[in-house]
Amino acid sequence: MKLFSLAAAASLALTLTLSASLPARADLVIQGRAAQALHCSAMLFMVSDEMYQSGYISRADRDWAQNAAISMLAYVPGTQDQKVKAMGQRFQKLMNTRTLGGLMKEYNDTAKWCQQNFL
């Protein structure tokens, strides 16, 4: 699997930060297994950031998890720009439809499956 550049990772982080105020729109429809990979990726990226910000994991662990999240995007079709937009859209949906506790529970319930299928 090809990993995105650090610039792409920074762009994803920026998209996460801005997604609450600037709705992102992907130019393609992502369904099936690709949508599952996108969802797993977004959850891992968000949960690892929240755990780091709360002091539960180190910066190195957060960076490893976020690189793993980015590598899951290999299962998502489209250009790098489309994937970044789709990730931002998924971040926004997760933030609008789940509490932090709900997101953490969903991550705990699905993390093993996500890892087995997309890493």
N, C-alpha and C. Protein backbone atom coordinates (compact mmCIF):
# COMPACT_ATOMS: atom_id res chain seq x y z
N MET A 1 0.83 -1.18 0.00
CA MET A 1 0.00 0.00 0.00
C MET A 1 0.87 1.24 0.00
N LYS A 2 0.55 2.18 -0.83
CA LYS A 2 1.28 3.44 -0.90
C LYS A 2 0.71 4.41 0.13
N LEU A 3 1.57 4.98 0.96
CA LEU A 3 1.13 5.96 1.93
C LEU A 3 1.11 7.34 1.30
N PHE A 4 0.23 8.17 1.76
CA PHE A 4 0.17 9.55 1.30
C PHE A 4 1.38 10.30 1.84
N SER A 5 1.70 11.40 1.24
CA SER A 5 2.79 12.25 1.70
C SER A 5 2.40 12.94 3.00
N LEU A 6 3.38 13.51 3.65
CA LEU A 6 3.10 14.28 4.86
C LEU A 6 2.20 15.47 4.54
N ALA A 7 2.35 16.02 3.35
CA ALA A 7 1.47 17.13 2.96
C ALA A 7 0.02 16.68 2.92
N ALA A 8 -0.21 15.47 2.45
CA ALA A 8 -1.58 14.94 2.43
C ALA A 8 -2.10 14.74 3.84
N ALA A 9 -1.25 14.24 4.73
CA ALA A 9 -1.65 14.06 6.12
C ALA A 9 -1.99 15.40 6.76
N ALA A 10 -1.18 16.40 6.48
CA ALA A 10 -1.46 17.74 7.01
C ALA A 10 -2.76 18.27 6.43
N SER A 11 -3.00 18.00 5.16
CA SER A 11 -4.24 18.43 4.53
C SER A 11 -5.44 17.75 5.17
N LEU A 12 -5.30 16.47 5.50
CA LEU A 12 -6.38 15.77 6.19
C LEU A 12 -6.64 16.39 7.55
N ALA A 13 -5.58 16.71 8.27
CA ALA A 13 -5.75 17.33 9.58
C ALA A 13 -6.43 18.69 9.44
N LEU A 14 -6.04 19.45 8.43
CA LEU A 14 -6.65 20.74 8.18
C LEU A 14 -8.12 20.55 7.82
N THR A 15 -8.42 19.56 7.02
CA THR A 15 -9.81 19.28 6.65
C THR A 15 -10.63 18.97 7.90
N LEU A 16 -10.06 18.18 8.83
CA LEU A 16 -10.74 17.86 10.07
C LEU A 16 -11.05 19.13 10.84
N THR A 17 -10.09 20.02 10.91
CA THR A 17 -10.27 21.26 11.66
C THR A 17 -11.33 22.15 11.03
N LEU A 18 -11.34 22.23 9.70
CA LEU A 18 -12.25 23.14 9.01
C LEU A 18 -13.61 22.54 8.69
N SER A 19 -13.74 21.23 8.81
CA SER A 19 -14.96 20.59 8.31
C SER A 19 -16.23 21.03 9.02
N ALA A 20 -16.12 21.47 10.26
CA ALA A 20 -17.32 21.90 10.95
C ALA A 20 -17.89 23.19 10.35
N SER A 21 -17.02 24.04 9.79
CA SER A 21 -17.51 25.30 9.25
C SER A 21 -17.56 25.34 7.73
N LEU A 22 -16.80 24.51 7.06
CA LEU A 22 -16.79 24.49 5.61
C LEU A 22 -17.16 23.11 5.11
N PRO A 23 -18.39 22.89 4.68
CA PRO A 23 -18.77 21.56 4.24
C PRO A 23 -17.94 21.10 3.05
N ALA A 24 -17.40 19.90 3.16
CA ALA A 24 -16.62 19.32 2.06
C ALA A 24 -17.54 18.44 1.23
N ARG A 25 -17.33 18.46 -0.04
CA ARG A 25 -18.13 17.63 -0.95
C ARG A 25 -17.18 16.82 -1.82
N ALA A 26 -17.33 15.53 -1.80
CA ALA A 26 -16.53 14.67 -2.67
C ALA A 26 -17.21 14.64 -4.04
N ASP A 27 -16.42 14.51 -5.06
CA ASP A 27 -16.96 14.50 -6.41
C ASP A 27 -17.35 13.10 -6.87
N LEU A 28 -17.17 12.09 -6.04
CA LEU A 28 -17.57 10.76 -6.44
C LEU A 28 -18.35 10.11 -5.32
N VAL A 29 -19.12 9.12 -5.67
CA VAL A 29 -19.91 8.38 -4.69
C VAL A 29 -19.09 7.18 -4.25
N ILE A 30 -18.91 7.05 -2.96
CA ILE A 30 -18.13 5.94 -2.41
C ILE A 30 -19.09 5.00 -1.71
N GLN A 31 -19.08 3.73 -2.15
CA GLN A 31 -20.02 2.75 -1.62
C GLN A 31 -19.29 1.46 -1.26
N GLY A 32 -20.01 0.58 -0.60
CA GLY A 32 -19.52 -0.76 -0.31
C GLY A 32 -18.26 -0.78 0.52
N ARG A 33 -17.32 -1.65 0.12
CA ARG A 33 -16.08 -1.85 0.86
C ARG A 33 -15.27 -0.56 0.95
N ALA A 34 -15.26 0.24 -0.10
CA ALA A 34 -14.53 1.51 -0.08
C ALA A 34 -15.12 2.45 0.97
N ALA A 35 -16.43 2.47 1.10
CA ALA A 35 -17.08 3.30 2.13
C ALA A 35 -16.73 2.80 3.53
N GLN A 36 -16.65 1.49 3.69
CA GLN A 36 -16.24 0.94 4.98
C GLN A 36 -14.82 1.36 5.32
N ALA A 37 -13.92 1.31 4.35
CA ALA A 37 -12.53 1.72 4.58
C ALA A 37 -12.48 3.20 4.94
N LEU A 38 -13.24 4.02 4.23
CA LEU A 38 -13.28 5.44 4.53
C LEU A 38 -13.77 5.69 5.95
N HIS A 39 -14.80 4.98 6.35
CA HIS A 39 -15.36 5.14 7.69
C HIS A 39 -14.35 4.70 8.75
N CYS A 40 -13.72 3.56 8.54
CA CYS A 40 -12.70 3.08 9.49
C CYS A 40 -11.55 4.08 9.59
N SER A 41 -11.12 4.59 8.46
CA SER A 41 -10.03 5.55 8.41
C SER A 41 -10.38 6.82 9.19
N ALA A 42 -11.56 7.34 8.94
CA ALA A 42 -11.97 8.58 9.61
C ALA A 42 -12.09 8.37 11.12
N MET A 43 -12.66 7.24 11.53
CA MET A 43 -12.77 6.98 12.97
C MET A 43 -11.39 6.89 13.62
N LEU A 44 -10.48 6.14 13.01
CA LEU A 44 -9.14 5.98 13.58
C LEU A 44 -8.43 7.33 13.66
N PHE A 45 -8.55 8.14 12.61
CA PHE A 45 -7.90 9.45 12.59
C PHE A 45 -8.45 10.33 13.71
N MET A 46 -9.77 10.38 13.85
CA MET A 46 -10.40 11.23 14.85
C MET A 46 -10.15 10.73 16.26
N VAL A 47 -10.31 9.44 16.48
CA VAL A 47 -10.13 8.87 17.81
C VAL A 47 -8.68 9.02 18.28
N SER A 48 -7.73 8.79 17.38
CA SER A 48 -6.33 8.93 17.78
C SER A 48 -6.02 10.37 18.15
N ASP A 49 -6.59 11.33 17.43
CA ASP A 49 -6.36 12.73 17.78
C ASP A 49 -6.98 13.06 19.13
N GLU A 50 -8.19 12.59 19.36
CA GLU A 50 -8.86 12.86 20.64
C GLU A 50 -8.10 12.21 21.80
N MET A 51 -7.63 10.99 21.60
CA MET A 51 -6.88 10.31 22.67
C MET A 51 -5.56 11.02 22.96
N TYR A 52 -4.91 11.53 21.92
CA TYR A 52 -3.68 12.30 22.12
C TYR A 52 -3.98 13.59 22.86
N GLN A 53 -4.99 14.33 22.40
CA GLN A 53 -5.35 15.60 23.04
C GLN A 53 -5.73 15.41 24.51
N SER A 54 -6.29 14.25 24.85
CA SER A 54 -6.70 13.96 26.23
C SER A 54 -5.57 13.36 27.06
N GLY A 55 -4.42 13.11 26.43
CA GLY A 55 -3.27 12.60 27.17
C GLY A 55 -3.22 11.08 27.34
N TYR A 56 -4.06 10.35 26.62
CA TYR A 56 -4.09 8.89 26.74
C TYR A 56 -3.03 8.19 25.89
N ILE A 57 -2.59 8.81 24.81
CA ILE A 57 -1.55 8.22 23.97
C ILE A 57 -0.49 9.27 23.66
N SER A 58 0.68 8.81 23.29
CA SER A 58 1.77 9.72 22.95
C SER A 58 1.58 10.29 21.55
N ARG A 59 2.35 11.31 21.25
CA ARG A 59 2.33 11.89 19.90
C ARG A 59 2.76 10.84 18.87
N ALA A 60 3.76 10.03 19.21
CA ALA A 60 4.23 8.99 18.29
C ALA A 60 3.12 7.98 18.00
N ASP A 61 2.36 7.60 19.04
CA ASP A 61 1.25 6.66 18.83
C ASP A 61 0.15 7.30 17.98
N ARG A 62 -0.13 8.57 18.22
CA ARG A 62 -1.12 9.27 17.40
C ARG A 62 -0.66 9.33 15.95
N ASP A 63 0.61 9.66 15.75
CA ASP A 63 1.13 9.75 14.38
C ASP A 63 1.08 8.40 13.68
N TRP A 64 1.41 7.33 14.40
CA TRP A 64 1.34 5.98 13.82
C TRP A 64 -0.10 5.68 13.43
N ALA A 65 -1.04 5.96 14.33
CA ALA A 65 -2.45 5.66 14.05
C ALA A 65 -2.95 6.48 12.87
N GLN A 66 -2.56 7.75 12.79
CA GLN A 66 -3.04 8.57 11.69
C GLN A 66 -2.41 8.16 10.36
N ASN A 67 -1.16 7.70 10.40
CA ASN A 67 -0.57 7.15 9.17
C ASN A 67 -1.30 5.87 8.75
N ALA A 68 -1.68 5.04 9.74
CA ALA A 68 -2.46 3.84 9.43
C ALA A 68 -3.82 4.23 8.84
N ALA A 69 -4.43 5.27 9.39
CA ALA A 69 -5.72 5.74 8.85
C ALA A 69 -5.56 6.19 7.40
N ILE A 70 -4.50 6.90 7.13
CA ILE A 70 -4.25 7.35 5.76
C ILE A 70 -4.01 6.16 4.83
N SER A 71 -3.32 5.13 5.33
CA SER A 71 -3.06 3.97 4.47
C SER A 71 -4.35 3.24 4.12
N MET A 72 -5.36 3.31 4.98
CA MET A 72 -6.65 2.69 4.67
C MET A 72 -7.30 3.31 3.44
N LEU A 73 -6.93 4.54 3.13
CA LEU A 73 -7.53 5.21 1.98
C LEU A 73 -7.10 4.59 0.65
N ALA A 74 -6.15 3.66 0.69
CA ALA A 74 -5.78 2.93 -0.53
C ALA A 74 -6.97 2.14 -1.07
N TYR A 75 -7.92 1.82 -0.20
CA TYR A 75 -9.12 1.07 -0.59
C TYR A 75 -10.22 1.97 -1.16
N VAL A 76 -9.99 3.28 -1.12
CA VAL A 76 -10.99 4.25 -1.57
C VAL A 76 -10.59 4.74 -2.96
N PRO A 77 -11.53 4.71 -3.92
CA PRO A 77 -11.19 5.16 -5.27
C PRO A 77 -11.05 6.68 -5.34
N GLY A 78 -10.45 7.14 -6.41
CA GLY A 78 -10.38 8.58 -6.65
C GLY A 78 -8.97 9.13 -6.51
N THR A 79 -8.86 10.40 -6.82
CA THR A 79 -7.59 11.09 -6.70
C THR A 79 -7.32 11.40 -5.23
N GLN A 80 -6.10 11.83 -4.96
CA GLN A 80 -5.76 12.21 -3.60
C GLN A 80 -6.68 13.34 -3.13
N ASP A 81 -6.94 14.31 -3.98
CA ASP A 81 -7.82 15.42 -3.62
C ASP A 81 -9.23 14.94 -3.31
N GLN A 82 -9.74 14.02 -4.11
CA GLN A 82 -11.08 13.47 -3.87
C GLN A 82 -11.12 12.71 -2.54
N LYS A 83 -10.06 11.98 -2.25
CA LYS A 83 -10.01 11.24 -0.98
C LYS A 83 -9.98 12.18 0.20
N VAL A 84 -9.22 13.27 0.10
CA VAL A 84 -9.17 14.26 1.17
C VAL A 84 -10.55 14.88 1.38
N LYS A 85 -11.22 15.22 0.28
CA LYS A 85 -12.57 15.79 0.39
C LYS A 85 -13.55 14.78 0.99
N ALA A 86 -13.44 13.53 0.57
CA ALA A 86 -14.32 12.50 1.12
C ALA A 86 -14.06 12.30 2.61
N MET A 87 -12.79 12.35 3.01
CA MET A 87 -12.45 12.20 4.42
C MET A 87 -13.03 13.37 5.22
N GLY A 88 -12.92 14.57 4.70
CA GLY A 88 -13.50 15.72 5.38
C GLY A 88 -15.01 15.60 5.53
N GLN A 89 -15.66 15.09 4.49
CA GLN A 89 -17.10 14.88 4.55
C GLN A 89 -17.45 13.83 5.60
N ARG A 90 -16.64 12.78 5.69
CA ARG A 90 -16.89 11.73 6.70
C ARG A 90 -16.65 12.29 8.10
N PHE A 91 -15.60 13.11 8.28
CA PHE A 91 -15.36 13.75 9.59
C PHE A 91 -16.60 14.53 10.01
N GLN A 92 -17.11 15.32 9.08
CA GLN A 92 -18.27 16.15 9.38
C GLN A 92 -19.47 15.30 9.77
N LYS A 93 -19.70 14.22 9.03
CA LYS A 93 -20.84 13.35 9.35
C LYS A 93 -20.67 12.72 10.73
N LEU A 94 -19.46 12.26 11.03
CA LEU A 94 -19.22 11.68 12.35
C LEU A 94 -19.44 12.70 13.46
N MET A 95 -18.96 13.91 13.28
CA MET A 95 -19.11 14.95 14.30
C MET A 95 -20.57 15.36 14.48
N ASN A 96 -21.34 15.30 13.40
CA ASN A 96 -22.74 15.73 13.47
C ASN A 96 -23.70 14.65 13.95
N THR A 97 -23.27 13.40 13.92
CA THR A 97 -24.21 12.31 14.23
C THR A 97 -23.82 11.48 15.45
N ARG A 98 -22.69 11.78 16.08
CA ARG A 98 -22.26 11.00 17.23
C ARG A 98 -21.74 11.90 18.33
N THR A 99 -21.97 11.48 19.54
CA THR A 99 -21.30 12.12 20.67
C THR A 99 -19.89 11.58 20.71
N LEU A 100 -19.02 12.23 21.47
CA LEU A 100 -17.67 11.72 21.61
C LEU A 100 -17.69 10.31 22.20
N GLY A 101 -18.51 10.10 23.20
CA GLY A 101 -18.64 8.77 23.79
C GLY A 101 -19.14 7.74 22.80
N GLY A 102 -20.10 8.14 21.96
CA GLY A 102 -20.62 7.23 20.94
C GLY A 102 -19.58 6.87 19.91
N LEU A 103 -18.77 7.86 19.51
CA LEU A 103 -17.70 7.60 18.55
C LEU A 103 -16.66 6.66 19.14
N MET A 104 -16.30 6.88 20.40
CA MET A 104 -15.31 6.02 21.05
C MET A 104 -15.84 4.58 21.16
N LYS A 105 -17.11 4.43 21.50
CA LYS A 105 -17.69 3.09 21.60
C LYS A 105 -17.71 2.41 20.24
N GLU A 106 -18.13 3.14 19.22
CA GLU A 106 -18.16 2.57 17.87
C GLU A 106 -16.75 2.15 17.44
N TYR A 107 -15.77 2.99 17.72
CA TYR A 107 -14.39 2.65 17.39
C TYR A 107 -13.96 1.37 18.13
N ASN A 108 -14.24 1.30 19.44
CA ASN A 108 -13.87 0.11 20.21
C ASN A 108 -14.55 -1.14 19.66
N ASP A 109 -15.79 -1.01 19.23
CA ASP A 109 -16.54 -2.16 18.72
C ASP A 109 -16.07 -2.62 17.34
N THR A 110 -15.46 -1.73 16.55
CA THR A 110 -15.12 -2.07 15.17
C THR A 110 -13.63 -2.03 14.84
N ALA A 111 -12.79 -1.58 15.75
CA ALA A 111 -11.37 -1.39 15.45
C ALA A 111 -10.69 -2.68 14.98
N LYS A 112 -10.97 -3.78 15.63
CA LYS A 112 -10.33 -5.05 15.24
C LYS A 112 -10.73 -5.43 13.81
N TRP A 113 -12.01 -5.30 13.49
CA TRP A 113 -12.48 -5.62 12.15
C TRP A 113 -11.83 -4.70 11.12
N CYS A 114 -11.77 -3.41 11.42
CA CYS A 114 -11.15 -2.45 10.51
C CYS A 114 -9.69 -2.83 10.26
N GLN A 115 -8.98 -3.15 11.33
CA GLN A 115 -7.56 -3.50 11.20
C GLN A 115 -7.40 -4.76 10.35
N GLN A 116 -8.20 -5.76 10.59
CA GLN A 116 -8.08 -7.02 9.85
C GLN A 116 -8.39 -6.83 8.36
N ASN A 117 -9.30 -5.93 8.05
CA ASN A 117 -9.73 -5.77 6.66
C ASN A 117 -8.98 -4.71 5.87
N PHE A 118 -8.41 -3.72 6.53
CA PHE A 118 -7.83 -2.60 5.78
C PHE A 118 -6.39 -2.26 6.13
N LEU A 119 -5.78 -2.99 7.04
CA LEU A 119 -4.35 -2.75 7.33
C LEU A 119 -3.54 -3.99 7.06
